[in-house]
Amino acid sequence: MADDQMRVGEAIIDLLAREYGVDVVFGIPGVHNIELYRGLHRSGVRAISPRHEQGAGFMADGWSIVTGRPGVCVLISGPGVTNALTPIAQAYHDSRPMLVLASTTPTDALGKSFGPLHDLPDQAKIAESVCAFSKTVTDPEQLPALIEQAFNIFTSTRPRPVHIAIPMDVLAQPCQPLARKRLVVTKPTASPSEIVRAAELMNSAQNPVVIAGGGCINAGSELVAFAQALDAPVLLTGNAKGVMSSAHELCAGNCLVFGRVQRDIEAADVVVVVGTE
């Protein structure tokens, strides 16, 4: 390779570090995904390796909860991805951003059941039900647009995991550094008239209740101020534990299934639900 060239696996890591601020990835290196790991040192990206890919997925999910940034997994083909499906599904259920980069069967054997190591009939299809999208990429030129699409999902709409599978031979191809493919995305905004209507409902409430979920994790002080303005008790979902101090006089705990709590919700004239389904 020429001095200014790198392999596709290294170029992916370089793009993530240079344009998206990725500085930590979680996963287990193997012969399938080694080209992705080759790029870590030069890009200054730290690799954290658990004993099992399920741990990598939960680490990435936890990283996202704590930092507010997408967790990135780097996995091997086949069992590497299937081992991580549980934490990927958890992130999907909880609406958290996770980028799953995985190797897959070489291009000439994709979908042909030739029996290469860790072959799956359709790896992307397996992950599809727990991802915003799940794609197999055989052309490196498609990668910048897909990565940009993933990060747009993470930041401008309801975040969900994204799985990108790259055949081993594609990861090993020489290439130039990948350029970011910027897409213009407009973040959704609330309707001004609906905001006014909601404010009127809350102002007229005699017995309001607030239910807060994991989407409030970075808005704890705002949640407290909001509850105090309404003089409303706050019920927390499991994912919102810690968002509001349990010692606060308006914190009603996080056991929404209790009969007493259900009765209190039913008795409320206005229920404000924030950061949860």
C-alpha atoms as a PDB file:
ATOM      1  CA  MET A   1       0.000   0.000   0.000  1.00  0.00           C
ATOM      2  CA  ALA A   2       1.046   3.593  -0.572  1.00  0.00           C
ATOM      3  CA  ASP A   3       1.978   5.667   2.452  1.00  0.00           C
ATOM      4  CA  ASP A   4      -1.291   7.609   2.308  1.00  0.00           C
ATOM      5  CA  GLN A   5      -3.415   4.462   2.135  1.00  0.00           C
ATOM      6  CA  MET A   6      -4.923   2.366   4.888  1.00  0.00           C
ATOM      7  CA  ARG A   7      -7.168  -0.647   4.987  1.00  0.00           C
ATOM      8  CA  VAL A   8     -10.931  -0.199   5.154  1.00  0.00           C
ATOM      9  CA  GLY A   9     -11.122  -1.411   8.761  1.00  0.00           C
ATOM     10  CA  GLU A  10      -8.579   1.179   9.859  1.00  0.00           C
ATOM     11  CA  ALA A  11     -10.282   3.863   7.762  1.00  0.00           C
ATOM     12  CA  ILE A  12     -13.600   3.248   9.552  1.00  0.00           C
ATOM     13  CA  ILE A  13     -12.007   3.770  12.966  1.00  0.00           C
ATOM     14  CA  ASP A  14     -10.139   6.824  11.690  1.00  0.00           C
ATOM     15  CA  LEU A  15     -13.398   8.357  10.423  1.00  0.00           C
ATOM     16  CA  LEU A  16     -15.212   7.687  13.707  1.00  0.00           C
ATOM     17  CA  ALA A  17     -12.418   9.220  15.774  1.00  0.00           C
ATOM     18  CA  ARG A  18     -11.767  12.182  13.488  1.00  0.00           C
ATOM     19  CA  GLU A  19     -15.331  13.242  12.680  1.00  0.00           C
ATOM     20  CA  TYR A  20     -17.541  11.821  15.431  1.00  0.00           C
ATOM     21  CA  GLY A  21     -15.340  11.999  18.514  1.00  0.00           C
ATOM     22  CA  VAL A  22     -15.312   8.261  19.187  1.00  0.00           C
ATOM     23  CA  ASP A  23     -12.514   7.514  21.646  1.00  0.00           C
ATOM     24  CA  VAL A  24     -13.606   4.192  23.189  1.00  0.00           C
ATOM     25  CA  VAL A  25     -14.883   0.957  21.652  1.00  0.00           C
ATOM     26  CA  PHE A  26     -16.009  -2.269  23.282  1.00  0.00           C
ATOM     27  CA  GLY A  27     -15.507  -5.735  21.867  1.00  0.00           C
ATOM     28  CA  ILE A  28     -13.304  -8.775  21.422  1.00  0.00           C
ATOM     29  CA  PRO A  29     -10.717  -8.897  18.631  1.00  0.00           C
ATOM     30  CA  GLY A  30     -10.535 -11.931  16.402  1.00  0.00           C
ATOM     31  CA  VAL A  31      -9.319 -13.032  13.008  1.00  0.00           C
ATOM     32  CA  HIS A  32     -12.561 -11.754  11.441  1.00  0.00           C
ATOM     33  CA  ASN A  33     -12.485  -8.171  12.708  1.00  0.00           C
ATOM     34  CA  ILE A  34      -8.742  -7.660  13.194  1.00  0.00           C
ATOM     35  CA  GLU A  35      -8.633  -4.968  10.496  1.00  0.00           C
ATOM     36  CA  LEU A  36     -10.932  -2.791  12.612  1.00  0.00           C
ATOM     37  CA  TYR A  37      -8.627  -3.236  15.597  1.00  0.00           C
ATOM     38  CA  ARG A  38      -5.533  -2.355  13.573  1.00  0.00           C
ATOM     39  CA  GLY A  39      -6.818   1.194  13.321  1.00  0.00           C
ATOM     40  CA  LEU A  40      -7.285   1.791  17.044  1.00  0.00           C
ATOM     41  CA  HIS A  41      -3.727   2.660  18.031  1.00  0.00           C
ATOM     42  CA  ARG A  42      -3.065   5.193  15.264  1.00  0.00           C
ATOM     43  CA  SER A  43      -6.442   6.875  15.905  1.00  0.00           C
ATOM     44  CA  GLY A  44      -5.924   7.035  19.662  1.00  0.00           C
ATOM     45  CA  VAL A  45      -9.077   5.023  20.335  1.00  0.00           C
ATOM     46  CA  ARG A  46      -9.126   2.924  23.489  1.00  0.00           C
ATOM     47  CA  ALA A  47     -10.358  -0.671  23.200  1.00  0.00           C
ATOM     48  CA  ILE A  48     -12.052  -2.292  26.195  1.00  0.00           C
ATOM     49  CA  SER A  49     -12.320  -6.053  25.880  1.00  0.00           C
ATOM     50  CA  PRO A  50     -14.631  -8.136  28.106  1.00  0.00           C
ATOM     51  CA  ARG A  51     -14.710 -11.918  28.377  1.00  0.00           C
ATOM     52  CA  HIS A  52     -17.871 -12.190  26.275  1.00  0.00           C
ATOM     53  CA  GLU A  53     -19.565 -10.089  23.608  1.00  0.00           C
ATOM     54  CA  GLN A  54     -22.667  -9.752  25.748  1.00  0.00           C
ATOM     55  CA  GLY A  55     -20.478  -7.829  28.169  1.00  0.00           C
ATOM     56  CA  ALA A  56     -19.271  -5.614  25.323  1.00  0.00           C
ATOM     57  CA  GLY A  57     -22.851  -4.725  24.450  1.00  0.00           C
ATOM     58  CA  PHE A  58     -23.811  -3.917  28.020  1.00  0.00           C
ATOM     59  CA  MET A  59     -20.622  -1.876  28.451  1.00  0.00           C
ATOM     60  CA  ALA A  60     -21.479   0.139  25.340  1.00  0.00           C
ATOM     61  CA  ASP A  61     -25.017   0.646  26.604  1.00  0.00           C
ATOM     62  CA  GLY A  62     -23.757   1.722  30.021  1.00  0.00           C
ATOM     63  CA  TRP A  63     -21.276   4.080  28.365  1.00  0.00           C
ATOM     64  CA  SER A  64     -24.162   5.685  26.516  1.00  0.00           C
ATOM     65  CA  ILE A  65     -26.200   6.102  29.712  1.00  0.00           C
ATOM     66  CA  VAL A  66     -23.339   7.754  31.595  1.00  0.00           C
ATOM     67  CA  THR A  67     -21.866   9.924  28.824  1.00  0.00           C
ATOM     68  CA  GLY A  68     -24.880  10.626  26.634  1.00  0.00           C
ATOM     69  CA  ARG A  69     -22.783   9.558  23.637  1.00  0.00           C
ATOM     70  CA  PRO A  70     -23.251   6.519  21.401  1.00  0.00           C
ATOM     71  CA  GLY A  71     -21.579   3.351  22.615  1.00  0.00           C
ATOM     72  CA  VAL A  72     -19.555   1.573  19.924  1.00  0.00           C
ATOM     73  CA  CYS A  73     -19.139  -2.211  19.711  1.00  0.00           C
ATOM     74  CA  VAL A  74     -16.581  -3.909  17.469  1.00  0.00           C
ATOM     75  CA  LEU A  75     -17.538  -7.570  17.052  1.00  0.00           C
ATOM     76  CA  ILE A  76     -16.623 -10.665  15.097  1.00  0.00           C
ATOM     77  CA  SER A  77     -18.922 -12.395  12.642  1.00  0.00           C
ATOM     78  CA  GLY A  78     -21.631 -14.820  13.659  1.00  0.00           C
ATOM     79  CA  PRO A  79     -21.505 -15.603  17.388  1.00  0.00           C
ATOM     80  CA  GLY A  80     -19.918 -12.257  18.171  1.00  0.00           C
ATOM     81  CA  VAL A  81     -23.083 -10.553  16.961  1.00  0.00           C
ATOM     82  CA  THR A  82     -25.556 -13.107  18.309  1.00  0.00           C
ATOM     83  CA  ASN A  83     -23.877 -12.968  21.728  1.00  0.00           C
ATOM     84  CA  ALA A  84     -24.475  -9.209  21.775  1.00  0.00           C
ATOM     85  CA  LEU A  85     -28.124  -9.321  20.708  1.00  0.00           C
ATOM     86  CA  THR A  86     -29.445  -9.107  24.284  1.00  0.00           C
ATOM     87  CA  PRO A  87     -27.765  -5.769  25.114  1.00  0.00           C
ATOM     88  CA  ILE A  88     -28.546  -4.488  21.622  1.00  0.00           C
ATOM     89  CA  ALA A  89     -32.203  -5.310  22.265  1.00  0.00           C
ATOM     90  CA  GLN A  90     -31.986  -3.597  25.659  1.00  0.00           C
ATOM     91  CA  ALA A  91     -30.632  -0.435  24.040  1.00  0.00           C
ATOM     92  CA  TYR A  92     -33.390  -0.618  21.428  1.00  0.00           C
ATOM     93  CA  HIS A  93     -36.072  -0.984  24.108  1.00  0.00           C
ATOM     94  CA  ASP A  94     -34.632   1.896  26.138  1.00  0.00           C
ATOM     95  CA  SER A  95     -34.024   4.144  23.088  1.00  0.00           C
ATOM     96  CA  ARG A  96     -30.277   4.495  23.489  1.00  0.00           C
ATOM     97  CA  PRO A  97     -27.660   4.995  20.765  1.00  0.00           C
ATOM     98  CA  MET A  98     -25.304   2.123  19.964  1.00  0.00           C
ATOM     99  CA  LEU A  99     -23.174   1.588  16.863  1.00  0.00           C
ATOM    100  CA  VAL A 100     -22.384  -2.083  16.240  1.00  0.00           C
ATOM    101  CA  LEU A 101     -19.570  -2.643  13.745  1.00  0.00           C
ATOM    102  CA  ALA A 102     -19.091  -6.289  12.901  1.00  0.00           C
ATOM    103  CA  SER A 103     -17.224  -8.364  10.401  1.00  0.00           C
ATOM    104  CA  THR A 104     -19.175 -10.883   8.380  1.00  0.00           C
ATOM    105  CA  THR A 105     -18.638 -13.691   5.867  1.00  0.00           C
ATOM    106  CA  PRO A 106     -16.334 -12.899   2.897  1.00  0.00           C
ATOM    107  CA  THR A 107     -18.137 -11.388  -0.071  1.00  0.00           C
ATOM    108  CA  ASP A 108     -17.826 -14.436  -2.334  1.00  0.00           C
ATOM    109  CA  ALA A 109     -19.531 -16.627   0.294  1.00  0.00           C
ATOM    110  CA  LEU A 110     -22.298 -14.288   1.499  1.00  0.00           C
ATOM    111  CA  GLY A 111     -25.616 -16.119   1.704  1.00  0.00           C
ATOM    112  CA  LYS A 112     -24.270 -19.244  -0.025  1.00  0.00           C
ATOM    113  CA  SER A 113     -23.909 -21.539   3.023  1.00  0.00           C
ATOM    114  CA  PHE A 114     -20.410 -22.601   1.993  1.00  0.00           C
ATOM    115  CA  GLY A 115     -19.565 -23.081   5.654  1.00  0.00           C
ATOM    116  CA  PRO A 116     -16.776 -20.584   6.392  1.00  0.00           C
ATOM    117  CA  LEU A 117     -16.015 -20.044  10.070  1.00  0.00           C
ATOM    118  CA  HIS A 118     -18.883 -18.324  11.936  1.00  0.00           C
ATOM    119  CA  ASP A 119     -21.011 -18.097   8.803  1.00  0.00           C
ATOM    120  CA  LEU A 120     -24.655 -17.022   9.128  1.00  0.00           C
ATOM    121  CA  PRO A 121     -27.273 -17.056   6.352  1.00  0.00           C
ATOM    122  CA  ASP A 122     -27.941 -13.331   6.813  1.00  0.00           C
ATOM    123  CA  GLN A 123     -26.252 -11.636   9.769  1.00  0.00           C
ATOM    124  CA  ALA A 124     -27.825  -8.240   9.063  1.00  0.00           C
ATOM    125  CA  LYS A 125     -31.298  -9.792   8.993  1.00  0.00           C
ATOM    126  CA  ILE A 126     -30.768 -11.361  12.420  1.00  0.00           C
ATOM    127  CA  ALA A 127     -30.007  -7.983  14.008  1.00  0.00           C
ATOM    128  CA  GLU A 128     -32.650  -6.076  12.067  1.00  0.00           C
ATOM    129  CA  SER A 129     -35.505  -6.424  14.580  1.00  0.00           C
ATOM    130  CA  VAL A 130     -33.524  -4.702  17.367  1.00  0.00           C
ATOM    131  CA  CYS A 131     -31.890  -1.941  15.310  1.00  0.00           C
ATOM    132  CA  ALA A 132     -32.944   1.284  13.636  1.00  0.00           C
ATOM    133  CA  PHE A 133     -31.288  -0.266  10.617  1.00  0.00           C
ATOM    134  CA  SER A 134     -29.002  -3.222   9.973  1.00  0.00           C
ATOM    135  CA  LYS A 135     -26.986  -3.352   6.745  1.00  0.00           C
ATOM    136  CA  THR A 136     -24.284  -5.411   5.065  1.00  0.00           C
ATOM    137  CA  VAL A 137     -21.790  -3.217   3.201  1.00  0.00           C
ATOM    138  CA  THR A 138     -19.817  -4.676   0.307  1.00  0.00           C
ATOM    139  CA  ASP A 139     -18.738  -1.337  -1.184  1.00  0.00           C
ATOM    140  CA  PRO A 140     -16.517   0.817   1.086  1.00  0.00           C
ATOM    141  CA  GLU A 141     -17.856   3.957  -0.591  1.00  0.00           C
ATOM    142  CA  GLN A 142     -21.219   3.283   1.102  1.00  0.00           C
ATOM    143  CA  LEU A 143     -19.719   3.469   4.596  1.00  0.00           C
ATOM    144  CA  PRO A 144     -19.526   7.258   5.139  1.00  0.00           C
ATOM    145  CA  ALA A 145     -23.210   7.742   4.276  1.00  0.00           C
ATOM    146  CA  LEU A 146     -24.322   4.868   6.507  1.00  0.00           C
ATOM    147  CA  ILE A 147     -22.209   6.058   9.430  1.00  0.00           C
ATOM    148  CA  GLU A 148     -23.573   9.587   9.003  1.00  0.00           C
ATOM    149  CA  GLN A 149     -27.108   8.184   8.875  1.00  0.00           C
ATOM    150  CA  ALA A 150     -26.452   6.274  12.101  1.00  0.00           C
ATOM    151  CA  PHE A 151     -25.223   9.337  13.984  1.00  0.00           C
ATOM    152  CA  ASN A 152     -28.141  11.385  12.668  1.00  0.00           C
ATOM    153  CA  ILE A 153     -30.478   8.787  14.161  1.00  0.00           C
ATOM    154  CA  PHE A 154     -28.544   8.985  17.424  1.00  0.00           C
ATOM    155  CA  THR A 155     -28.872  12.768  17.696  1.00  0.00           C
ATOM    156  CA  SER A 156     -31.924  13.974  15.762  1.00  0.00           C
ATOM    157  CA  THR A 157     -34.641  11.405  16.353  1.00  0.00           C
ATOM    158  CA  ARG A 158     -35.424   8.572  18.729  1.00  0.00           C
ATOM    159  CA  PRO A 159     -32.011   6.925  19.207  1.00  0.00           C
ATOM    160  CA  ARG A 160     -31.752   3.223  18.522  1.00  0.00           C
ATOM    161  CA  PRO A 161     -28.860   0.812  17.819  1.00  0.00           C
ATOM    162  CA  VAL A 162     -27.427   0.510  14.310  1.00  0.00           C
ATOM    163  CA  HIS A 163     -25.631  -2.602  13.029  1.00  0.00           C
ATOM    164  CA  ILE A 164     -23.237  -2.411  10.085  1.00  0.00           C
ATOM    165  CA  ALA A 165     -21.737  -5.688   8.859  1.00  0.00           C
ATOM    166  CA  ILE A 166     -18.625  -5.584   6.671  1.00  0.00           C
ATOM    167  CA  PRO A 167     -17.251  -8.702   4.953  1.00  0.00           C
ATOM    168  CA  MET A 168     -13.732  -9.702   6.004  1.00  0.00           C
ATOM    169  CA  ASP A 169     -12.295  -9.169   2.541  1.00  0.00           C
ATOM    170  CA  VAL A 170     -13.799  -5.674   2.345  1.00  0.00           C
ATOM    171  CA  LEU A 171     -12.276  -4.747   5.718  1.00  0.00           C
ATOM    172  CA  ALA A 172      -8.868  -5.741   4.352  1.00  0.00           C
ATOM    173  CA  GLN A 173      -9.090  -3.749   1.110  1.00  0.00           C
ATOM    174  CA  PRO A 174      -6.647  -0.828   0.752  1.00  0.00           C
ATOM    175  CA  CYS A 175      -8.308   2.557   0.558  1.00  0.00           C
ATOM    176  CA  GLN A 176      -7.826   6.264   1.041  1.00  0.00           C
ATOM    177  CA  PRO A 177      -9.019   7.840   4.319  1.00  0.00           C
ATOM    178  CA  LEU A 178     -12.804   8.065   4.326  1.00  0.00           C
ATOM    179  CA  ALA A 179     -14.352  11.524   4.068  1.00  0.00           C
ATOM    180  CA  ARG A 180     -17.417  12.341   6.118  1.00  0.00           C
ATOM    181  CA  LYS A 181     -20.597  12.549   4.053  1.00  0.00           C
ATOM    182  CA  ARG A 182     -22.548  15.281   5.797  1.00  0.00           C
ATOM    183  CA  LEU A 183     -26.318  15.168   5.556  1.00  0.00           C
ATOM    184  CA  VAL A 184     -28.622  18.063   6.406  1.00  0.00           C
ATOM    185  CA  VAL A 185     -31.015  16.895   9.107  1.00  0.00           C
ATOM    186  CA  THR A 186     -33.662  18.955  10.859  1.00  0.00           C
ATOM    187  CA  LYS A 187     -34.359  17.971  14.430  1.00  0.00           C
ATOM    188  CA  PRO A 188     -38.059  17.593  15.245  1.00  0.00           C
ATOM    189  CA  THR A 189     -39.589  20.380  17.297  1.00  0.00           C
ATOM    190  CA  ALA A 190     -42.789  20.572  19.287  1.00  0.00           C
ATOM    191  CA  SER A 191     -45.785  22.408  17.889  1.00  0.00           C
ATOM    192  CA  PRO A 192     -46.084  25.850  19.556  1.00  0.00           C
ATOM    193  CA  SER A 193     -49.872  25.484  19.745  1.00  0.00           C
ATOM    194  CA  GLU A 194     -49.533  22.095  21.442  1.00  0.00           C
ATOM    195  CA  ILE A 195     -47.089  23.578  23.957  1.00  0.00           C
ATOM    196  CA  VAL A 196     -49.619  26.300  24.801  1.00  0.00           C
ATOM    197  CA  ARG A 197     -52.380  23.714  25.149  1.00  0.00           C
ATOM    198  CA  ALA A 198     -50.226  21.556  27.435  1.00  0.00           C
ATOM    199  CA  ALA A 199     -49.324  24.574  29.574  1.00  0.00           C
ATOM    200  CA  GLU A 200     -53.000  25.462  29.945  1.00  0.00           C
ATOM    201  CA  LEU A 201     -53.824  21.919  31.051  1.00  0.00           C
ATOM    202  CA  MET A 202     -51.031  21.927  33.618  1.00  0.00           C
ATOM    203  CA  ASN A 203     -51.967  25.371  34.942  1.00  0.00           C
ATOM    204  CA  SER A 204     -55.543  24.220  35.506  1.00  0.00           C
ATOM    205  CA  ALA A 205     -54.571  20.922  37.165  1.00  0.00           C
ATOM    206  CA  GLN A 206     -55.713  20.381  40.749  1.00  0.00           C
ATOM    207  CA  ASN A 207     -54.064  16.996  41.231  1.00  0.00           C
ATOM    208  CA  PRO A 208     -51.188  16.619  38.736  1.00  0.00           C
ATOM    209  CA  VAL A 209     -48.725  13.727  38.631  1.00  0.00           C
ATOM    210  CA  VAL A 210     -45.411  13.539  36.759  1.00  0.00           C
ATOM    211  CA  ILE A 211     -44.021  10.249  35.427  1.00  0.00           C
ATOM    212  CA  ALA A 212     -40.355  10.544  34.430  1.00  0.00           C
ATOM    213  CA  GLY A 213     -38.272   8.022  32.503  1.00  0.00           C
ATOM    214  CA  GLY A 214     -34.710   7.462  31.390  1.00  0.00           C
ATOM    215  CA  GLY A 215     -34.951  10.250  28.843  1.00  0.00           C
ATOM    216  CA  CYS A 216     -34.623  12.670  31.773  1.00  0.00           C
ATOM    217  CA  ILE A 217     -31.241  11.320  32.820  1.00  0.00           C
ATOM    218  CA  ASN A 218     -29.432  14.519  31.828  1.00  0.00           C
ATOM    219  CA  ALA A 219     -32.215  16.837  32.980  1.00  0.00           C
ATOM    220  CA  GLY A 220     -32.495  16.089  36.688  1.00  0.00           C
ATOM    221  CA  SER A 221     -32.408  19.700  37.880  1.00  0.00           C
ATOM    222  CA  GLU A 222     -34.957  20.730  35.245  1.00  0.00           C
ATOM    223  CA  LEU A 223     -37.220  17.860  36.312  1.00  0.00           C
ATOM    224  CA  VAL A 224     -37.081  18.968  39.946  1.00  0.00           C
ATOM    225  CA  ALA A 225     -37.813  22.591  39.023  1.00  0.00           C
ATOM    226  CA  PHE A 226     -40.715  21.481  36.832  1.00  0.00           C
ATOM    227  CA  ALA A 227     -42.208  19.316  39.592  1.00  0.00           C
ATOM    228  CA  GLN A 228     -41.857  22.130  42.108  1.00  0.00           C
ATOM    229  CA  ALA A 229     -43.578  24.579  39.769  1.00  0.00           C
ATOM    230  CA  LEU A 230     -46.496  22.156  39.438  1.00  0.00           C
ATOM    231  CA  ASP A 231     -46.281  21.020  43.062  1.00  0.00           C
ATOM    232  CA  ALA A 232     -46.664  17.516  41.622  1.00  0.00           C
ATOM    233  CA  PRO A 233     -45.337  14.181  42.887  1.00  0.00           C
ATOM    234  CA  VAL A 234     -42.848  12.502  40.558  1.00  0.00           C
ATOM    235  CA  LEU A 235     -42.952   8.790  39.800  1.00  0.00           C
ATOM    236  CA  LEU A 236     -39.767   7.377  38.276  1.00  0.00           C
ATOM    237  CA  THR A 237     -39.426   4.432  35.928  1.00  0.00           C
ATOM    238  CA  GLY A 238     -36.622   1.957  36.539  1.00  0.00           C
ATOM    239  CA  ASN A 239     -34.440   3.712  33.978  1.00  0.00           C
ATOM    240  CA  ALA A 240     -34.927   7.041  35.769  1.00  0.00           C
ATOM    241  CA  LYS A 241     -33.667   5.920  39.167  1.00  0.00           C
ATOM    242  CA  GLY A 242     -31.257   8.551  40.446  1.00  0.00           C
ATOM    243  CA  VAL A 243     -32.530  11.335  38.201  1.00  0.00           C
ATOM    244  CA  MET A 244     -34.244  12.808  41.247  1.00  0.00           C
ATOM    245  CA  SER A 245     -33.164  12.262  44.829  1.00  0.00           C
ATOM    246  CA  SER A 246     -35.359   9.737  46.610  1.00  0.00           C
ATOM    247  CA  ALA A 247     -35.151  12.049  49.635  1.00  0.00           C
ATOM    248  CA  HIS A 248     -36.888  14.882  47.788  1.00  0.00           C
ATOM    249  CA  GLU A 249     -40.360  15.577  49.161  1.00  0.00           C
ATOM    250  CA  LEU A 250     -41.912  15.305  45.697  1.00  0.00           C
ATOM    251  CA  CYS A 251     -40.216  12.022  44.759  1.00  0.00           C
ATOM    252  CA  ALA A 252     -42.818   9.244  44.932  1.00  0.00           C
ATOM    253  CA  GLY A 253     -40.404   6.401  44.147  1.00  0.00           C
ATOM    254  CA  ASN A 254     -40.068   4.103  41.179  1.00  0.00           C
ATOM    255  CA  CYS A 255     -42.569   1.307  41.818  1.00  0.00           C
ATOM    256  CA  LEU A 256     -45.265   2.131  39.300  1.00  0.00           C
ATOM    257  CA  VAL A 257     -46.828  -1.337  39.533  1.00  0.00           C
ATOM    258  CA  PHE A 258     -47.958  -0.967  43.143  1.00  0.00           C
ATOM    259  CA  GLY A 259     -51.731  -0.755  43.547  1.00  0.00           C
ATOM    260  CA  ARG A 260     -51.526   2.429  45.607  1.00  0.00           C
ATOM    261  CA  VAL A 261     -49.412   4.099  42.941  1.00  0.00           C
ATOM    262  CA  GLN A 262     -51.797   3.002  40.199  1.00  0.00           C
ATOM    263  CA  ARG A 263     -54.716   4.460  42.145  1.00  0.00           C
ATOM    264  CA  ASP A 264     -52.872   7.760  42.569  1.00  0.00           C
ATOM    265  CA  ILE A 265     -52.274   7.925  38.825  1.00  0.00           C
ATOM    266  CA  GLU A 266     -55.925   7.176  38.103  1.00  0.00           C
ATOM    267  CA  ALA A 267     -56.984   9.914  40.545  1.00  0.00           C
ATOM    268  CA  ALA A 268     -54.825  12.564  38.855  1.00  0.00           C
ATOM    269  CA  ASP A 269     -56.577  15.084  36.635  1.00  0.00           C
ATOM    270  CA  VAL A 270     -53.392  15.650  34.590  1.00  0.00           C
ATOM    271  CA  VAL A 271     -50.523  13.175  34.126  1.00  0.00           C
ATOM    272  CA  VAL A 272     -47.357  14.603  32.588  1.00  0.00           C
ATOM    273  CA  VAL A 273     -45.163  11.866  31.108  1.00  0.00           C
ATOM    274  CA  VAL A 274     -41.603  12.878  30.206  1.00  0.00           C
ATOM    275  CA  GLY A 275     -38.717  10.853  28.847  1.00  0.00           C
ATOM    276  CA  THR A 276     -40.581   7.553  28.671  1.00  0.00           C
ATOM    277  CA  GLU A 277     -43.250   5.687  26.728  1.00  0.00           C
END
